[in-house]
Amino acid sequence: MEKKWRAVRAQLPQLEQLIHTTPIAYQHRLLGELAGYLWQWDTAEELRQFLPGAYTLSRRLATPPFRADIELSHVLGSFLDNQQEQLREDFLSAPDTSFHTLEKCCRRKNDARLIARGAYSLIQFFPDLAVRTFVRFPRQLCKTAKVLGTLRYEYRATLLQQITHHTFFTTDFPHVTPRDAYLAIQQVCEDDIGTPFHGISLPGRMERTPSPQLPSTVTIVLSWKILTAPASISLNNK
C-alpha cells in the first residue's frame, strides 16, 4: 500500500494540472472518476500502466457535450485496465456516440451498478468482442451487461465460461461466407428447437433454484454475439 501511495503522490502535479484545465462545471465528475480509478488499481505497476488512459478519457469526458452530473469510473475502469494495449487504445478511440449511449444507459444508479458488474465479466471472457461492441453497438453491450449484472459473480463466470464453448462463439463468423454463417445459426436453432442455449449447464445451486432471468441472460449474450457478427462478415466479404 505504501508503494501505491508513493506512486499516487508522484502523479499529483499531473492531477493538479488536469483539474486546473477542466471546466469548473466538470471538475466534480473529473475528481470522482479519478478517485475511483485510484482506488481500483492497487499496485504502482497498475497505476503506471493504466493511469495514462484514465487521464485521456477523463479529460475527454469532462467537457461538453458530456454530462457533468455523473461518475462512471466503476463502469469505465474495466475497459481501461485491459491487459491488451491495442484494445485499450480502441476503447479510448470509440466515438462520442458510444460514450453518450453509455451515459444514457447509466442514468439510474442501479442500472449503472448492474452494467458495471456485467461489463467486468464480459471483458474478462470476451475482451475483444466487448470493446468492438462498445465501439459499434454500445446499446446492445449495455443491455447485455445489465442483464448479466443481475447474477452473482460466480454465476456470471460459470455462465460465460460455458458460453465460450457454444457454436456461436467457436465459429469464426468474420472469416466464413454469409451463407455458411446463416447455415451455422440455422442449424443450432433447429437442433435446439428454437433456443440457442441448449447444452449450457449451470452451477448446481442455480439448477436447483432456477430464475426466470437466466434464459433471457443467455439469449441476450448469444444474441449480442450474432448482432455484432454480420457487420464484420459484410465488411470482410465485400
Protein backbone atom coordinates (compact mmCIF):
# COMPACT_ATOMS: atom_id res chain seq x y z
CA MET A 1 0.00 0.00 0.00
CA GLU A 2 2.85 2.36 0.78
CA LYS A 3 4.28 1.81 -2.71
CA LYS A 4 0.91 2.59 -4.20
CA TRP A 5 0.57 5.90 -2.39
CA ARG A 6 4.11 6.86 -3.29
CA ALA A 7 3.13 6.28 -6.90
CA VAL A 8 -0.03 8.35 -6.43
CA ARG A 9 1.98 11.15 -4.84
CA ALA A 10 4.23 11.21 -7.90
CA GLN A 11 1.12 11.81 -10.01
CA LEU A 12 -0.02 14.88 -8.07
CA PRO A 13 1.46 17.50 -10.45
CA GLN A 14 -0.31 15.89 -13.41
CA LEU A 15 -3.54 15.54 -11.45
CA GLU A 16 -3.38 19.18 -10.39
CA GLN A 17 -2.82 20.35 -13.94
CA LEU A 18 -5.71 18.20 -15.19
CA ILE A 19 -8.03 19.73 -12.59
CA HIS A 20 -6.99 23.31 -13.40
CA THR A 21 -7.55 22.80 -17.13
CA THR A 22 -11.02 21.27 -16.64
CA PRO A 23 -14.14 23.49 -16.81
CA ILE A 24 -15.43 24.20 -13.30
CA ALA A 25 -18.78 22.56 -14.02
CA TYR A 26 -17.00 19.28 -14.80
CA GLN A 27 -14.45 19.23 -12.01
CA HIS A 28 -16.72 17.22 -9.71
CA ARG A 29 -17.06 14.50 -12.33
CA LEU A 30 -13.34 14.56 -13.07
CA LEU A 31 -12.37 14.21 -9.41
CA GLY A 32 -14.94 11.49 -8.79
CA GLU A 33 -13.78 9.35 -11.68
CA LEU A 34 -10.08 9.84 -10.99
CA ALA A 35 -10.65 8.89 -7.33
CA GLY A 36 -12.48 5.77 -8.50
CA TYR A 37 -9.58 4.73 -10.72
CA LEU A 38 -7.02 5.34 -7.98
CA TRP A 39 -8.95 3.07 -5.62
CA GLN A 40 -9.44 0.42 -8.30
CA TRP A 41 -5.76 -0.09 -9.11
CA ASP A 42 -3.78 -1.39 -6.17
CA THR A 43 -0.18 -1.52 -7.35
CA ALA A 44 2.32 1.02 -8.60
CA GLU A 45 2.66 -1.01 -11.81
CA GLU A 46 -1.09 -0.87 -12.48
CA LEU A 47 -1.09 2.87 -11.92
CA ARG A 48 1.82 3.30 -14.30
CA GLN A 49 0.14 1.14 -16.93
CA PHE A 50 -3.46 2.32 -16.72
CA LEU A 51 -3.48 5.91 -15.44
CA PRO A 52 -2.44 7.47 -18.78
CA GLY A 53 -5.58 6.07 -20.37
CA ALA A 54 -7.65 7.25 -17.43
CA TYR A 55 -6.26 10.78 -17.82
CA THR A 56 -7.02 10.77 -21.53
CA LEU A 57 -10.57 9.55 -21.02
CA SER A 58 -11.28 11.81 -18.04
CA ARG A 59 -10.10 14.86 -19.97
CA ARG A 60 -12.34 13.91 -22.87
CA LEU A 61 -15.47 13.21 -20.83
CA ALA A 62 -15.10 16.26 -18.57
CA THR A 63 -16.14 18.64 -21.33
CA PRO A 64 -19.35 19.41 -23.21
CA PRO A 65 -21.39 17.79 -24.60
CA PHE A 66 -20.93 15.04 -21.98
CA ARG A 67 -22.76 15.10 -18.67
CA ALA A 68 -21.24 16.82 -15.67
CA ASP A 69 -23.53 15.15 -13.11
CA ILE A 70 -22.41 11.55 -13.47
CA GLU A 71 -19.46 9.41 -12.34
CA LEU A 72 -18.74 6.19 -14.25
CA SER A 73 -15.29 5.02 -13.18
CA HIS A 74 -16.80 1.76 -11.93
CA VAL A 75 -18.04 1.07 -15.47
CA LEU A 76 -15.16 2.52 -17.50
CA GLY A 77 -12.43 1.06 -15.32
CA SER A 78 -12.94 -2.48 -16.63
CA PHE A 79 -12.17 -1.28 -20.15
CA LEU A 80 -9.20 0.81 -19.06
CA ASP A 81 -7.38 -1.96 -17.20
CA ASN A 82 -7.50 -4.40 -20.08
CA GLN A 83 -4.08 -6.03 -20.40
CA GLN A 84 -4.15 -5.73 -24.20
CA GLU A 85 -2.82 -2.31 -25.11
CA GLN A 86 -4.46 -2.30 -28.54
CA LEU A 87 -7.89 -2.93 -27.01
CA ARG A 88 -7.35 -0.07 -24.57
CA GLU A 89 -6.49 2.20 -27.49
CA ASP A 90 -9.52 1.02 -29.44
CA PHE A 91 -11.74 1.75 -26.46
CA LEU A 92 -10.26 5.23 -25.98
CA SER A 93 -10.81 5.90 -29.69
CA ALA A 94 -14.50 4.97 -29.55
CA PRO A 95 -16.81 7.64 -30.99
CA ASP A 96 -18.60 10.12 -28.77
CA THR A 97 -21.89 8.36 -29.55
CA SER A 98 -20.68 5.26 -27.68
CA PHE A 99 -19.98 7.24 -24.52
CA HIS A 100 -23.23 9.20 -24.86
CA THR A 101 -25.12 5.92 -25.10
CA LEU A 102 -23.35 4.61 -22.02
CA GLU A 103 -24.29 7.74 -20.09
CA LYS A 104 -27.94 7.33 -21.10
CA CYS A 105 -27.96 3.68 -20.09
CA CYS A 106 -26.44 4.61 -16.71
CA ARG A 107 -28.93 7.36 -15.82
CA ARG A 108 -30.15 5.31 -12.87
CA LYS A 109 -27.55 4.37 -10.28
CA ASN A 110 -28.80 0.82 -10.05
CA ASP A 111 -28.58 0.38 -13.82
CA ALA A 112 -25.02 1.74 -13.75
CA ARG A 113 -24.13 -0.74 -10.98
CA LEU A 114 -25.54 -3.68 -12.93
CA ILE A 115 -23.84 -2.60 -16.16
CA ALA A 116 -20.53 -2.24 -14.31
CA ARG A 117 -20.84 -5.78 -12.90
CA GLY A 118 -21.79 -7.30 -16.22
CA ALA A 119 -19.17 -5.38 -18.20
CA TYR A 120 -16.47 -6.56 -15.82
CA SER A 121 -17.31 -10.20 -16.57
CA LEU A 122 -17.79 -9.69 -20.31
CA ILE A 123 -14.36 -8.10 -20.58
CA GLN A 124 -12.84 -10.94 -18.58
CA PHE A 125 -14.13 -13.57 -21.01
CA PHE A 126 -14.61 -11.68 -24.29
CA PRO A 127 -12.36 -8.60 -24.19
CA ASP A 128 -12.09 -8.13 -27.95
CA LEU A 129 -15.80 -8.60 -28.55
CA ALA A 130 -16.71 -6.32 -25.64
CA VAL A 131 -14.58 -3.46 -26.96
CA ARG A 132 -15.73 -3.89 -30.56
CA THR A 133 -19.35 -3.94 -29.41
CA PHE A 134 -18.87 -0.81 -27.32
CA VAL A 135 -17.45 0.97 -30.36
CA ARG A 136 -20.17 -0.13 -32.80
CA PHE A 137 -23.16 -1.33 -30.79
CA PRO A 138 -22.98 0.33 -27.35
CA ARG A 139 -26.67 -0.08 -26.59
CA GLN A 140 -26.52 -3.84 -27.12
CA LEU A 141 -23.44 -4.04 -24.93
CA CYS A 142 -25.15 -2.14 -22.12
CA LYS A 143 -28.26 -4.30 -22.38
CA THR A 144 -26.21 -7.48 -22.22
CA ALA A 145 -24.08 -6.22 -19.34
CA LYS A 146 -27.12 -5.07 -17.37
CA VAL A 147 -28.81 -8.48 -17.57
CA LEU A 148 -25.58 -10.28 -16.67
CA GLY A 149 -25.09 -7.90 -13.76
CA THR A 150 -28.19 -9.29 -12.06
CA LEU A 151 -26.25 -12.52 -11.39
CA ARG A 152 -23.67 -13.09 -8.68
CA TYR A 153 -20.07 -13.10 -9.89
CA GLU A 154 -19.55 -16.85 -9.66
CA TYR A 155 -22.75 -17.48 -11.62
CA ARG A 156 -21.74 -14.97 -14.31
CA ALA A 157 -18.32 -16.59 -14.56
CA THR A 158 -19.74 -20.11 -14.90
CA LEU A 159 -22.32 -18.99 -17.44
CA LEU A 160 -19.82 -17.15 -19.63
CA GLN A 161 -17.29 -19.96 -19.38
CA GLN A 162 -19.92 -22.37 -20.69
CA ILE A 163 -20.90 -19.96 -23.47
CA THR A 164 -17.31 -19.76 -24.74
CA HIS A 165 -17.75 -23.35 -25.98
CA HIS A 166 -21.03 -22.65 -27.75
CA THR A 167 -21.14 -22.89 -31.56
CA PHE A 168 -21.90 -19.19 -31.84
CA PHE A 169 -18.60 -18.40 -30.16
CA THR A 170 -16.42 -21.13 -31.61
CA THR A 171 -17.44 -20.26 -35.20
CA ASP A 172 -15.18 -17.61 -36.68
CA PHE A 173 -18.03 -15.63 -38.27
CA PRO A 174 -15.92 -12.82 -39.79
CA HIS A 175 -13.98 -15.42 -41.79
CA VAL A 176 -16.81 -17.56 -43.14
CA THR A 177 -19.13 -16.73 -46.00
CA PRO A 178 -22.51 -15.16 -45.18
CA ARG A 179 -24.18 -18.36 -46.40
CA ASP A 180 -22.12 -20.57 -44.05
CA ALA A 181 -22.77 -18.19 -41.17
CA TYR A 182 -26.51 -18.34 -41.84
CA LEU A 183 -26.45 -22.14 -42.04
CA ALA A 184 -24.50 -22.41 -38.77
CA ILE A 185 -27.04 -20.25 -36.94
CA GLN A 186 -29.97 -22.05 -38.56
CA GLN A 187 -28.58 -25.47 -37.63
CA VAL A 188 -28.11 -24.55 -33.99
CA CYS A 189 -31.63 -23.15 -33.72
CA GLU A 190 -33.14 -26.18 -35.42
CA ASP A 191 -31.22 -28.62 -33.21
CA ASP A 192 -32.20 -26.73 -30.07
CA ILE A 193 -35.89 -26.36 -31.02
CA GLY A 194 -35.66 -22.61 -31.40
CA THR A 195 -33.43 -21.87 -28.43
CA PRO A 196 -29.69 -21.19 -28.84
CA PHE A 197 -28.59 -22.21 -25.35
CA HIS A 198 -29.07 -25.98 -25.45
CA GLY A 199 -26.30 -27.84 -23.63
CA ILE A 200 -25.22 -24.96 -21.40
CA SER A 201 -25.06 -26.25 -17.85
CA LEU A 202 -25.42 -24.02 -14.83
CA PRO A 203 -23.98 -24.25 -11.30
CA GLY A 204 -25.76 -26.77 -9.12
CA ARG A 205 -27.42 -24.19 -6.92
CA MET A 206 -28.73 -22.35 -9.97
CA GLU A 207 -30.22 -25.57 -11.34
CA ARG A 208 -31.98 -26.20 -8.05
CA THR A 209 -33.31 -22.64 -7.85
CA PRO A 210 -33.90 -21.61 -11.46
CA SER A 211 -34.50 -17.94 -12.14
CA PRO A 212 -36.74 -16.71 -14.96
CA GLN A 213 -33.96 -14.21 -15.70
CA LEU A 214 -31.46 -16.90 -16.72
CA PRO A 215 -32.85 -17.87 -20.14
CA SER A 216 -33.03 -14.24 -21.17
CA THR A 217 -29.48 -13.74 -19.88
CA VAL A 218 -28.09 -16.48 -22.08
CA THR A 219 -30.23 -15.47 -25.04
CA ILE A 220 -29.09 -11.85 -24.82
CA VAL A 221 -25.42 -12.82 -24.57
CA LEU A 222 -25.68 -15.09 -27.60
CA SER A 223 -27.77 -12.55 -29.49
CA TRP A 224 -25.10 -9.97 -28.70
CA LYS A 225 -22.59 -12.19 -30.49
CA ILE A 226 -24.87 -12.61 -33.50
CA LEU A 227 -25.70 -8.90 -33.72
CA THR A 228 -22.05 -7.95 -33.87
CA ALA A 229 -21.08 -10.62 -36.38
CA PRO A 230 -22.97 -9.56 -39.54
CA ALA A 231 -21.22 -6.20 -39.79
CA SER A 232 -17.84 -7.92 -39.63
CA ILE A 233 -18.92 -10.53 -42.15
CA SER A 234 -20.14 -7.97 -44.66
CA LEU A 235 -17.00 -5.91 -44.29
CA ASN A 236 -14.78 -8.92 -44.91
CA ASN A 237 -16.72 -10.21 -47.89
CA LYS A 238 -17.09 -7.04 -49.96
